[in-house]
Amino acid sequence: LGLASAAGRARPALHYYRMWFDGAINGTLAREPKAWASSPSHEELAGALREHQRSVCPEGREMSFVTLQGELGEDGAHRAVLRFVDGKLHFMASAGGRVLVLDPPLKC
């Protein structure tokens, strides 16, 4: 999964999401430091997403997803490109079981 650069070479989508959202992620981690000790499992990511969904859409049904790309940053935040069952891509950054960024946001 990549997007074309000016020279025609594709970079992974995660590269662009990092450029767009690292400021917001670092700001949140500075206020509320919490980190993953190691790269989280799919179940841990799903748990963080479920908790986030409960706070945003309490009546919403659980959403299934596949992780297309993911990495644990030096800051302890895990960044991932997810594909939900409806086919839409989302970027999610999480740390310590908590969602820091989800783009686009969940719709109830």
PDB file of N, CA and C in Angstrom:
ATOM      1  N   LEU A   1       0.867  -1.175   0.000  1.00  0.00           N
ATOM      2  CA  LEU A   1       0.000   0.000   0.000  1.00  0.00           C
ATOM      3  C   LEU A   1       0.905   1.225   0.000  1.00  0.00           C
ATOM      4  N   GLY A   2       0.929   1.937  -1.089  1.00  0.00           N
ATOM      5  CA  GLY A   2       1.799   3.103  -1.176  1.00  0.00           C
ATOM      6  C   GLY A   2       1.171   4.191  -2.016  1.00  0.00           C
ATOM      7  N   LEU A   3       1.714   5.367  -1.936  1.00  0.00           N
ATOM      8  CA  LEU A   3       1.271   6.517  -2.710  1.00  0.00           C
ATOM      9  C   LEU A   3       2.461   7.023  -3.505  1.00  0.00           C
ATOM     10  N   ALA A   4       2.204   7.520  -4.708  1.00  0.00           N
ATOM     11  CA  ALA A   4       3.297   7.965  -5.566  1.00  0.00           C
ATOM     12  C   ALA A   4       3.908   9.257  -5.053  1.00  0.00           C
ATOM     13  N   SER A   5       5.228   9.338  -5.093  1.00  0.00           N
ATOM     14  CA  SER A   5       5.929  10.571  -4.738  1.00  0.00           C
ATOM     15  C   SER A   5       6.159  11.366  -6.018  1.00  0.00           C
ATOM     16  N   ALA A   6       6.751  12.528  -5.891  1.00  0.00           N
ATOM     17  CA  ALA A   6       6.999  13.388  -7.053  1.00  0.00           C
ATOM     18  C   ALA A   6       7.865  12.685  -8.090  1.00  0.00           C
ATOM     19  N   ALA A   7       8.782  11.835  -7.662  1.00  0.00           N
ATOM     20  CA  ALA A   7       9.666  11.134  -8.586  1.00  0.00           C
ATOM     21  C   ALA A   7       9.005   9.875  -9.147  1.00  0.00           C
ATOM     22  N   GLY A   8       7.765   9.604  -8.771  1.00  0.00           N
ATOM     23  CA  GLY A   8       7.058   8.441  -9.273  1.00  0.00           C
ATOM     24  C   GLY A   8       7.234   7.189  -8.440  1.00  0.00           C
ATOM     25  N   ARG A   9       8.072   7.233  -7.426  1.00  0.00           N
ATOM     26  CA  ARG A   9       8.249   6.076  -6.549  1.00  0.00           C
ATOM     27  C   ARG A   9       7.228   6.132  -5.436  1.00  0.00           C
ATOM     28  N   ALA A  10       6.728   4.978  -5.091  1.00  0.00           N
ATOM     29  CA  ALA A  10       5.714   4.917  -4.035  1.00  0.00           C
ATOM     30  C   ALA A  10       6.366   4.781  -2.671  1.00  0.00           C
ATOM     31  N   ARG A  11       5.811   5.470  -1.704  1.00  0.00           N
ATOM     32  CA  ARG A  11       6.207   5.308  -0.307  1.00  0.00           C
ATOM     33  C   ARG A  11       5.026   4.678   0.408  1.00  0.00           C
ATOM     34  N   PRO A  12       5.280   3.952   1.476  1.00  0.00           N
ATOM     35  CA  PRO A  12       4.176   3.360   2.221  1.00  0.00           C
ATOM     36  C   PRO A  12       3.227   4.442   2.753  1.00  0.00           C
ATOM     37  N   ALA A  13       1.945   4.133   2.771  1.00  0.00           N
ATOM     38  CA  ALA A  13       0.947   5.080   3.272  1.00  0.00           C
ATOM     39  C   ALA A  13       1.275   5.527   4.688  1.00  0.00           C
ATOM     40  N   LEU A  14       1.832   4.629   5.489  1.00  0.00           N
ATOM     41  CA  LEU A  14       2.166   4.953   6.874  1.00  0.00           C
ATOM     42  C   LEU A  14       3.157   6.114   6.950  1.00  0.00           C
ATOM     43  N   HIS A  15       4.036   6.231   5.970  1.00  0.00           N
ATOM     44  CA  HIS A  15       4.996   7.336   5.911  1.00  0.00           C
ATOM     45  C   HIS A  15       4.267   8.682   5.890  1.00  0.00           C
ATOM     46  N   TYR A  16       3.237   8.810   5.069  1.00  0.00           N
ATOM     47  CA  TYR A  16       2.489  10.063   4.954  1.00  0.00           C
ATOM     48  C   TYR A  16       1.666  10.344   6.207  1.00  0.00           C
ATOM     49  N   TYR A  17       1.024   9.320   6.750  1.00  0.00           N
ATOM     50  CA  TYR A  17       0.262   9.511   7.983  1.00  0.00           C
ATOM     51  C   TYR A  17       1.170   9.993   9.113  1.00  0.00           C
ATOM     52  N   ARG A  18       2.386   9.427   9.201  1.00  0.00           N
ATOM     53  CA  ARG A  18       3.328   9.885  10.230  1.00  0.00           C
ATOM     54  C   ARG A  18       3.624  11.367  10.055  1.00  0.00           C
ATOM     55  N   MET A  19       3.868  11.797   8.825  1.00  0.00           N
ATOM     56  CA  MET A  19       4.158  13.216   8.574  1.00  0.00           C
ATOM     57  C   MET A  19       2.981  14.092   9.004  1.00  0.00           C
ATOM     58  N   TRP A  20       1.776  13.658   8.731  1.00  0.00           N
ATOM     59  CA  TRP A  20       0.589  14.464   9.019  1.00  0.00           C
ATOM     60  C   TRP A  20       0.236  14.505  10.502  1.00  0.00           C
ATOM     61  N   PHE A  21       0.479  13.422  11.240  1.00  0.00           N
ATOM     62  CA  PHE A  21      -0.066  13.314  12.597  1.00  0.00           C
ATOM     63  C   PHE A  21       0.953  13.235  13.722  1.00  0.00           C
ATOM     64  N   ASP A  22       2.247  13.166  13.444  1.00  0.00           N
ATOM     65  CA  ASP A  22       3.212  13.024  14.529  1.00  0.00           C
ATOM     66  C   ASP A  22       3.181  14.189  15.511  1.00  0.00           C
ATOM     67  N   GLY A  23       2.885  15.400  15.056  1.00  0.00           N
ATOM     68  CA  GLY A  23       2.789  16.539  15.976  1.00  0.00           C
ATOM     69  C   GLY A  23       1.684  16.338  16.998  1.00  0.00           C
ATOM     70  N   ALA A  24       0.520  15.890  16.541  1.00  0.00           N
ATOM     71  CA  ALA A  24      -0.608  15.640  17.452  1.00  0.00           C
ATOM     72  C   ALA A  24      -0.295  14.491  18.409  1.00  0.00           C
ATOM     73  N   ILE A  25       0.342  13.462  17.900  1.00  0.00           N
ATOM     74  CA  ILE A  25       0.688  12.310  18.741  1.00  0.00           C
ATOM     75  C   ILE A  25       1.682  12.730  19.819  1.00  0.00           C
ATOM     76  N   ASN A  26       2.725  13.435  19.416  1.00  0.00           N
ATOM     77  CA  ASN A  26       3.736  13.864  20.387  1.00  0.00           C
ATOM     78  C   ASN A  26       3.163  14.820  21.423  1.00  0.00           C
ATOM     79  N   GLY A  27       2.247  15.697  21.018  1.00  0.00           N
ATOM     80  CA  GLY A  27       1.610  16.603  21.959  1.00  0.00           C
ATOM     81  C   GLY A  27       0.798  15.864  23.001  1.00  0.00           C
ATOM     82  N   THR A  28       0.055  14.845  22.566  1.00  0.00           N
ATOM     83  CA  THR A  28      -0.744  14.047  23.497  1.00  0.00           C
ATOM     84  C   THR A  28       0.160  13.266  24.439  1.00  0.00           C
ATOM     85  N   LEU A  29       1.232  12.673  23.901  1.00  0.00           N
ATOM     86  CA  LEU A  29       2.143  11.908  24.756  1.00  0.00           C
ATOM     87  C   LEU A  29       2.857  12.802  25.764  1.00  0.00           C
ATOM     88  N   ALA A  30       3.113  14.064  25.399  1.00  0.00           N
ATOM     89  CA  ALA A  30       3.767  14.993  26.329  1.00  0.00           C
ATOM     90  C   ALA A  30       2.846  15.316  27.503  1.00  0.00           C
ATOM     91  N   ARG A  31       1.538  15.424  27.232  1.00  0.00           N
ATOM     92  CA  ARG A  31       0.564  15.730  28.294  1.00  0.00           C
ATOM     93  C   ARG A  31       0.213  14.501  29.125  1.00  0.00           C
ATOM     94  N   GLU A  32       0.101  13.364  28.453  1.00  0.00           N
ATOM     95  CA  GLU A  32      -0.333  12.128  29.104  1.00  0.00           C
ATOM     96  C   GLU A  32       0.586  10.989  28.694  1.00  0.00           C
ATOM     97  N   PRO A  33       1.783  10.921  29.252  1.00  0.00           N
ATOM     98  CA  PRO A  33       2.718   9.879  28.823  1.00  0.00           C
ATOM     99  C   PRO A  33       2.200   8.481  29.121  1.00  0.00           C
ATOM    100  N   LYS A  34       2.115   7.695  28.113  1.00  0.00           N
ATOM    101  CA  LYS A  34       1.701   6.305  28.211  1.00  0.00           C
ATOM    102  C   LYS A  34       2.235   5.641  26.956  1.00  0.00           C
ATOM    103  N   ALA A  35       2.841   4.490  27.071  1.00  0.00           N
ATOM    104  CA  ALA A  35       3.458   3.890  25.897  1.00  0.00           C
ATOM    105  C   ALA A  35       3.252   2.381  25.895  1.00  0.00           C
ATOM    106  N   TRP A  36       3.370   1.806  24.699  1.00  0.00           N
ATOM    107  CA  TRP A  36       3.415   0.360  24.564  1.00  0.00           C
ATOM    108  C   TRP A  36       4.854  -0.058  24.877  1.00  0.00           C
ATOM    109  N   ALA A  37       5.043  -1.121  25.618  1.00  0.00           N
ATOM    110  CA  ALA A  37       6.389  -1.629  25.903  1.00  0.00           C
ATOM    111  C   ALA A  37       6.955  -2.361  24.689  1.00  0.00           C
ATOM    112  N   SER A  38       6.059  -2.982  23.926  1.00  0.00           N
ATOM    113  CA  SER A  38       6.450  -3.664  22.695  1.00  0.00           C
ATOM    114  C   SER A  38       5.298  -3.511  21.704  1.00  0.00           C
ATOM    115  N   SER A  39       5.536  -3.911  20.483  1.00  0.00           N
ATOM    116  CA  SER A  39       4.506  -3.770  19.454  1.00  0.00           C
ATOM    117  C   SER A  39       3.248  -4.529  19.891  1.00  0.00           C
ATOM    118  N   PRO A  40       2.099  -3.860  19.901  1.00  0.00           N
ATOM    119  CA  PRO A  40       0.882  -4.512  20.398  1.00  0.00           C
ATOM    120  C   PRO A  40       0.363  -5.566  19.427  1.00  0.00           C
ATOM    121  N   SER A  41      -0.322  -6.548  19.974  1.00  0.00           N
ATOM    122  CA  SER A  41      -0.951  -7.586  19.158  1.00  0.00           C
ATOM    123  C   SER A  41      -2.226  -7.022  18.522  1.00  0.00           C
ATOM    124  N   HIS A  42      -2.783  -7.780  17.598  1.00  0.00           N
ATOM    125  CA  HIS A  42      -4.050  -7.369  16.984  1.00  0.00           C
ATOM    126  C   HIS A  42      -5.126  -7.228  18.063  1.00  0.00           C
ATOM    127  N   GLU A  43      -5.139  -8.134  19.023  1.00  0.00           N
ATOM    128  CA  GLU A  43      -6.142  -8.095  20.096  1.00  0.00           C
ATOM    129  C   GLU A  43      -5.988  -6.829  20.949  1.00  0.00           C
ATOM    130  N   GLU A  44      -4.744  -6.430  21.210  1.00  0.00           N
ATOM    131  CA  GLU A  44      -4.519  -5.205  21.994  1.00  0.00           C
ATOM    132  C   GLU A  44      -4.970  -3.967  21.208  1.00  0.00           C
ATOM    133  N   LEU A  45      -4.688  -3.939  19.903  1.00  0.00           N
ATOM    134  CA  LEU A  45      -5.168  -2.825  19.082  1.00  0.00           C
ATOM    135  C   LEU A  45      -6.689  -2.803  19.039  1.00  0.00           C
ATOM    136  N   ALA A  46      -7.296  -3.983  18.893  1.00  0.00           N
ATOM    137  CA  ALA A  46      -8.758  -4.069  18.863  1.00  0.00           C
ATOM    138  C   ALA A  46      -9.349  -3.597  20.190  1.00  0.00           C
ATOM    139  N   GLY A  47      -8.703  -3.937  21.302  1.00  0.00           N
ATOM    140  CA  GLY A  47      -9.179  -3.492  22.612  1.00  0.00           C
ATOM    141  C   GLY A  47      -9.122  -1.980  22.745  1.00  0.00           C
ATOM    142  N   ALA A  48      -8.032  -1.376  22.294  1.00  0.00           N
ATOM    143  CA  ALA A  48      -7.913   0.086  22.345  1.00  0.00           C
ATOM    144  C   ALA A  48      -8.986   0.733  21.477  1.00  0.00           C
ATOM    145  N   LEU A  49      -9.226   0.155  20.300  1.00  0.00           N
ATOM    146  CA  LEU A  49     -10.257   0.700  19.406  1.00  0.00           C
ATOM    147  C   LEU A  49     -11.649   0.543  20.008  1.00  0.00           C
ATOM    148  N   ARG A  50     -11.914  -0.604  20.650  1.00  0.00           N
ATOM    149  CA  ARG A  50     -13.225  -0.813  21.303  1.00  0.00           C
ATOM    150  C   ARG A  50     -13.472   0.224  22.389  1.00  0.00           C
ATOM    151  N   GLU A  51     -12.454   0.477  23.227  1.00  0.00           N
ATOM    152  CA  GLU A  51     -12.609   1.481  24.289  1.00  0.00           C
ATOM    153  C   GLU A  51     -12.862   2.865  23.696  1.00  0.00           C
ATOM    154  N   HIS A  52     -12.148   3.191  22.643  1.00  0.00           N
ATOM    155  CA  HIS A  52     -12.349   4.481  21.972  1.00  0.00           C
ATOM    156  C   HIS A  52     -13.759   4.558  21.397  1.00  0.00           C
ATOM    157  N   GLN A  53     -14.195   3.473  20.759  1.00  0.00           N
ATOM    158  CA  GLN A  53     -15.527   3.445  20.167  1.00  0.00           C
ATOM    159  C   GLN A  53     -16.604   3.605  21.241  1.00  0.00           C
ATOM    160  N   ARG A  54     -16.423   2.967  22.390  1.00  0.00           N
ATOM    161  CA  ARG A  54     -17.409   3.091  23.477  1.00  0.00           C
ATOM    162  C   ARG A  54     -17.534   4.529  23.960  1.00  0.00           C
ATOM    163  N   SER A  55     -16.423   5.265  23.953  1.00  0.00           N
ATOM    164  CA  SER A  55     -16.471   6.650  24.418  1.00  0.00           C
ATOM    165  C   SER A  55     -17.071   7.578  23.356  1.00  0.00           C
ATOM    166  N   VAL A  56     -16.920   7.234  22.090  1.00  0.00           N
ATOM    167  CA  VAL A  56     -17.420   8.080  20.998  1.00  0.00           C
ATOM    168  C   VAL A  56     -18.825   7.671  20.578  1.00  0.00           C
ATOM    169  N   CYS A  57     -19.053   6.387  20.442  1.00  0.00           N
ATOM    170  CA  CYS A  57     -20.335   5.845  19.965  1.00  0.00           C
ATOM    171  C   CYS A  57     -20.788   4.723  20.891  1.00  0.00           C
ATOM    172  N   PRO A  58     -21.329   5.039  22.057  1.00  0.00           N
ATOM    173  CA  PRO A  58     -21.673   3.991  23.028  1.00  0.00           C
ATOM    174  C   PRO A  58     -22.613   2.921  22.486  1.00  0.00           C
ATOM    175  N   GLU A  59     -23.475   3.280  21.542  1.00  0.00           N
ATOM    176  CA  GLU A  59     -24.451   2.323  21.011  1.00  0.00           C
ATOM    177  C   GLU A  59     -23.948   1.617  19.757  1.00  0.00           C
ATOM    178  N   GLY A  60     -22.772   1.974  19.278  1.00  0.00           N
ATOM    179  CA  GLY A  60     -22.253   1.402  18.035  1.00  0.00           C
ATOM    180  C   GLY A  60     -21.850  -0.050  18.188  1.00  0.00           C
ATOM    181  N   ARG A  61     -21.893  -0.767  17.057  1.00  0.00           N
ATOM    182  CA  ARG A  61     -21.471  -2.166  17.092  1.00  0.00           C
ATOM    183  C   ARG A  61     -19.962  -2.242  16.888  1.00  0.00           C
ATOM    184  N   GLU A  62     -19.369  -3.303  17.374  1.00  0.00           N
ATOM    185  CA  GLU A  62     -17.923  -3.471  17.274  1.00  0.00           C
ATOM    186  C   GLU A  62     -17.507  -3.555  15.808  1.00  0.00           C
ATOM    187  N   MET A  63     -16.416  -2.893  15.478  1.00  0.00           N
ATOM    188  CA  MET A  63     -15.951  -2.854  14.103  1.00  0.00           C
ATOM    189  C   MET A  63     -14.757  -3.786  13.929  1.00  0.00           C
ATOM    190  N   SER A  64     -14.796  -4.603  12.895  1.00  0.00           N
ATOM    191  CA  SER A  64     -13.685  -5.497  12.589  1.00  0.00           C
ATOM    192  C   SER A  64     -12.750  -4.810  11.616  1.00  0.00           C
ATOM    193  N   PHE A  65     -11.463  -5.133  11.727  1.00  0.00           N
ATOM    194  CA  PHE A  65     -10.478  -4.515  10.851  1.00  0.00           C
ATOM    195  C   PHE A  65      -9.295  -5.440  10.628  1.00  0.00           C
ATOM    196  N   VAL A  66      -8.518  -5.102   9.618  1.00  0.00           N
ATOM    197  CA  VAL A  66      -7.270  -5.781   9.316  1.00  0.00           C
ATOM    198  C   VAL A  66      -6.178  -4.721   9.375  1.00  0.00           C
ATOM    199  N   THR A  67      -5.052  -5.043  10.000  1.00  0.00           N
ATOM    200  CA  THR A  67      -3.916  -4.129  10.025  1.00  0.00           C
ATOM    201  C   THR A  67      -3.110  -4.331   8.750  1.00  0.00           C
ATOM    202  N   LEU A  68      -3.023  -3.271   7.932  1.00  0.00           N
ATOM    203  CA  LEU A  68      -2.268  -3.348   6.684  1.00  0.00           C
ATOM    204  C   LEU A  68      -0.802  -2.996   6.884  1.00  0.00           C
ATOM    205  N   GLN A  69      -0.534  -1.989   7.690  1.00  0.00           N
ATOM    206  CA  GLN A  69       0.825  -1.564   8.003  1.00  0.00           C
ATOM    207  C   GLN A  69       0.844  -1.121   9.453  1.00  0.00           C
ATOM    208  N   GLY A  70       1.941  -1.345  10.126  1.00  0.00           N
ATOM    209  CA  GLY A  70       2.042  -0.894  11.507  1.00  0.00           C
ATOM    210  C   GLY A  70       3.480  -0.863  11.969  1.00  0.00           C
ATOM    211  N   GLU A  71       3.746   0.028  12.920  1.00  0.00           N
ATOM    212  CA  GLU A  71       5.082   0.117  13.491  1.00  0.00           C
ATOM    213  C   GLU A  71       5.006   0.756  14.862  1.00  0.00           C
ATOM    214  N   LEU A  72       5.919   0.357  15.715  1.00  0.00           N
ATOM    215  CA  LEU A  72       6.054   0.950  17.039  1.00  0.00           C
ATOM    216  C   LEU A  72       7.143   2.005  16.959  1.00  0.00           C
ATOM    217  N   GLY A  73       6.800   3.254  17.268  1.00  0.00           N
ATOM    218  CA  GLY A  73       7.778   4.333  17.228  1.00  0.00           C
ATOM    219  C   GLY A  73       8.639   4.368  18.473  1.00  0.00           C
ATOM    220  N   GLU A  74       9.727   5.102  18.387  1.00  0.00           N
ATOM    221  CA  GLU A  74      10.626   5.247  19.535  1.00  0.00           C
ATOM    222  C   GLU A  74       9.929   5.917  20.716  1.00  0.00           C
ATOM    223  N   ASP A  75       8.852   6.656  20.432  1.00  0.00           N
ATOM    224  CA  ASP A  75       8.101   7.344  21.487  1.00  0.00           C
ATOM    225  C   ASP A  75       7.132   6.428  22.215  1.00  0.00           C
ATOM    226  N   GLY A  76       7.046   5.154  21.809  1.00  0.00           N
ATOM    227  CA  GLY A  76       6.137   4.206  22.440  1.00  0.00           C
ATOM    228  C   GLY A  76       4.746   4.194  21.855  1.00  0.00           C
ATOM    229  N   ALA A  77       4.500   5.018  20.844  1.00  0.00           N
ATOM    230  CA  ALA A  77       3.196   5.018  20.175  1.00  0.00           C
ATOM    231  C   ALA A  77       3.243   4.073  18.985  1.00  0.00           C
ATOM    232  N   HIS A  78       2.197   3.295  18.818  1.00  0.00           N
ATOM    233  CA  HIS A  78       2.074   2.398  17.675  1.00  0.00           C
ATOM    234  C   HIS A  78       1.218   3.095  16.633  1.00  0.00           C
ATOM    235  N   ARG A  79       1.704   3.127  15.403  1.00  0.00           N
ATOM    236  CA  ARG A  79       0.987   3.745  14.291  1.00  0.00           C
ATOM    237  C   ARG A  79       0.609   2.647  13.319  1.00  0.00           C
ATOM    238  N   ALA A  80      -0.624   2.677  12.837  1.00  0.00           N
ATOM    239  CA  ALA A  80      -1.085   1.608  11.945  1.00  0.00           C
ATOM    240  C   ALA A  80      -2.071   2.144  10.916  1.00  0.00           C
ATOM    241  N   VAL A  81      -2.038   1.520   9.745  1.00  0.00           N
ATOM    242  CA  VAL A  81      -3.049   1.743   8.721  1.00  0.00           C
ATOM    243  C   VAL A  81      -3.970   0.534   8.792  1.00  0.00           C
ATOM    244  N   LEU A  82      -5.249   0.793   9.023  1.00  0.00           N
ATOM    245  CA  LEU A  82      -6.241  -0.266   9.191  1.00  0.00           C
ATOM    246  C   LEU A  82      -7.244  -0.234   8.049  1.00  0.00           C
ATOM    247  N   ARG A  83      -7.739  -1.410   7.665  1.00  0.00           N
ATOM    248  CA  ARG A  83      -8.855  -1.485   6.720  1.00  0.00           C
ATOM    249  C   ARG A  83     -10.023  -2.117   7.465  1.00  0.00           C
ATOM    250  N   PHE A  84     -11.116  -1.354   7.563  1.00  0.00           N
ATOM    251  CA  PHE A  84     -12.307  -1.850   8.239  1.00  0.00           C
ATOM    252  C   PHE A  84     -13.120  -2.720   7.282  1.00  0.00           C
ATOM    253  N   VAL A  85     -14.091  -3.456   7.815  1.00  0.00           N
ATOM    254  CA  VAL A  85     -14.882  -4.382   6.998  1.00  0.00           C
ATOM    255  C   VAL A  85     -15.639  -3.664   5.879  1.00  0.00           C
ATOM    256  N   ASP A  86     -15.894  -2.370   6.047  1.00  0.00           N
ATOM    257  CA  ASP A  86     -16.582  -1.625   4.985  1.00  0.00           C
ATOM    258  C   ASP A  86     -15.619  -1.208   3.863  1.00  0.00           C
ATOM    259  N   GLY A  87     -14.331  -1.585   3.983  1.00  0.00           N
ATOM    260  CA  GLY A  87     -13.343  -1.286   2.955  1.00  0.00           C
ATOM    261  C   GLY A  87     -12.604   0.023   3.153  1.00  0.00           C
ATOM    262  N   LYS A  88     -13.020   0.838   4.114  1.00  0.00           N
ATOM    263  CA  LYS A  88     -12.390   2.144   4.334  1.00  0.00           C
ATOM    264  C   LYS A  88     -11.087   1.998   5.116  1.00  0.00           C
ATOM    265  N   LEU A  89     -10.116   2.838   4.745  1.00  0.00           N
ATOM    266  CA  LEU A  89      -8.835   2.876   5.440  1.00  0.00           C
ATOM    267  C   LEU A  89      -8.885   3.908   6.555  1.00  0.00           C
ATOM    268  N   HIS A  90      -8.259   3.583   7.659  1.00  0.00           N
ATOM    269  CA  HIS A  90      -8.143   4.493   8.796  1.00  0.00           C
ATOM    270  C   HIS A  90      -6.705   4.456   9.289  1.00  0.00           C
ATOM    271  N   PHE A  91      -6.231   5.587   9.788  1.00  0.00           N
ATOM    272  CA  PHE A  91      -4.947   5.647  10.470  1.00  0.00           C
ATOM    273  C   PHE A  91      -5.246   5.687  11.955  1.00  0.00           C
ATOM    274  N   MET A  92      -4.566   4.835  12.714  1.00  0.00           N
ATOM    275  CA  MET A  92      -4.756   4.840  14.159  1.00  0.00           C
ATOM    276  C   MET A  92      -3.395   4.873  14.838  1.00  0.00           C
ATOM    277  N   ALA A  93      -3.239   5.789  15.755  1.00  0.00           N
ATOM    278  CA  ALA A  93      -2.069   5.823  16.625  1.00  0.00           C
ATOM    279  C   ALA A  93      -2.565   5.539  18.029  1.00  0.00           C
ATOM    280  N   SER A  94      -1.871   4.657  18.707  1.00  0.00           N
ATOM    281  CA  SER A  94      -2.289   4.291  20.062  1.00  0.00           C
ATOM    282  C   SER A  94      -1.058   4.125  20.940  1.00  0.00           C
ATOM    283  N   ALA A  95      -1.287   4.255  22.222  1.00  0.00           N
ATOM    284  CA  ALA A  95      -0.214   4.066  23.202  1.00  0.00           C
ATOM    285  C   ALA A  95      -0.827   3.573  24.496  1.00  0.00           C
ATOM    286  N   GLY A  96      -0.233   2.531  25.050  1.00  0.00           N
ATOM    287  CA  GLY A  96      -0.677   2.016  26.340  1.00  0.00           C
ATOM    288  C   GLY A  96      -2.140   1.639  26.393  1.00  0.00           C
ATOM    289  N   GLY A  97      -2.685   1.118  25.298  1.00  0.00           N
ATOM    290  CA  GLY A  97      -4.078   0.702  25.276  1.00  0.00           C
ATOM    291  C   GLY A  97      -5.067   1.815  25.016  1.00  0.00           C
ATOM    292  N   ARG A  98      -4.578   2.979  24.603  1.00  0.00           N
ATOM    293  CA  ARG A  98      -5.444   4.142  24.384  1.00  0.00           C
ATOM    294  C   ARG A  98      -5.246   4.664  22.966  1.00  0.00           C
ATOM    295  N   VAL A  99      -6.325   5.026  22.292  1.00  0.00           N
ATOM    296  CA  VAL A  99      -6.236   5.614  20.958  1.00  0.00           C
ATOM    297  C   VAL A  99      -5.863   7.083  21.105  1.00  0.00           C
ATOM    298  N   LEU A 100      -4.797   7.485  20.412  1.00  0.00           N
ATOM    299  CA  LEU A 100      -4.358   8.883  20.419  1.00  0.00           C
ATOM    300  C   LEU A 100      -4.937   9.634  19.228  1.00  0.00           C
ATOM    301  N   VAL A 101      -4.936   8.986  18.064  1.00  0.00           N
ATOM    302  CA  VAL A 101      -5.439   9.576  16.821  1.00  0.00           C
ATOM    303  C   VAL A 101      -6.160   8.489  16.042  1.00  0.00           C
ATOM    304  N   LEU A 102      -7.303   8.830  15.476  1.00  0.00           N
ATOM    305  CA  LEU A 102      -8.006   7.948  14.549  1.00  0.00           C
ATOM    306  C   LEU A 102      -8.517   8.836  13.421  1.00  0.00           C
ATOM    307  N   ASP A 103      -8.050   8.558  12.213  1.00  0.00           N
ATOM    308  CA  ASP A 103      -8.425   9.388  11.075  1.00  0.00           C
ATOM    309  C   ASP A 103      -8.772   8.502   9.888  1.00  0.00           C
ATOM    310  N   PRO A 104      -9.962   8.681   9.300  1.00  0.00           N
ATOM    311  CA  PRO A 104     -10.993   9.605   9.738  1.00  0.00           C
ATOM    312  C   PRO A 104     -11.629   9.128  11.037  1.00  0.00           C
ATOM    313  N   PRO A 105     -12.252  10.073  11.760  1.00  0.00           N
ATOM    314  CA  PRO A 105     -12.895   9.705  13.021  1.00  0.00           C
ATOM    315  C   PRO A 105     -14.033   8.710  12.804  1.00  0.00           C
ATOM    316  N   LEU A 106     -14.388   7.979  13.852  1.00  0.00           N
ATOM    317  CA  LEU A 106     -15.524   7.064  13.775  1.00  0.00           C
ATOM    318  C   LEU A 106     -16.815   7.842  13.595  1.00  0.00           C
ATOM    319  N   LYS A 107     -17.710   7.278  12.806  1.00  0.00           N
ATOM    320  CA  LYS A 107     -19.046   7.865  12.661  1.00  0.00           C
ATOM    321  C   LYS A 107     -20.038   6.935  13.345  1.00  0.00           C
ATOM    322  N   CYS A 108     -20.894   7.509  14.160  1.00  0.00           N
ATOM    323  CA  CYS A 108     -21.878   6.700  14.889  1.00  0.00           C
ATOM    324  C   CYS A 108     -23.071   6.380  14.002  1.00  0.00           C
TER     325      CYS A 108
END
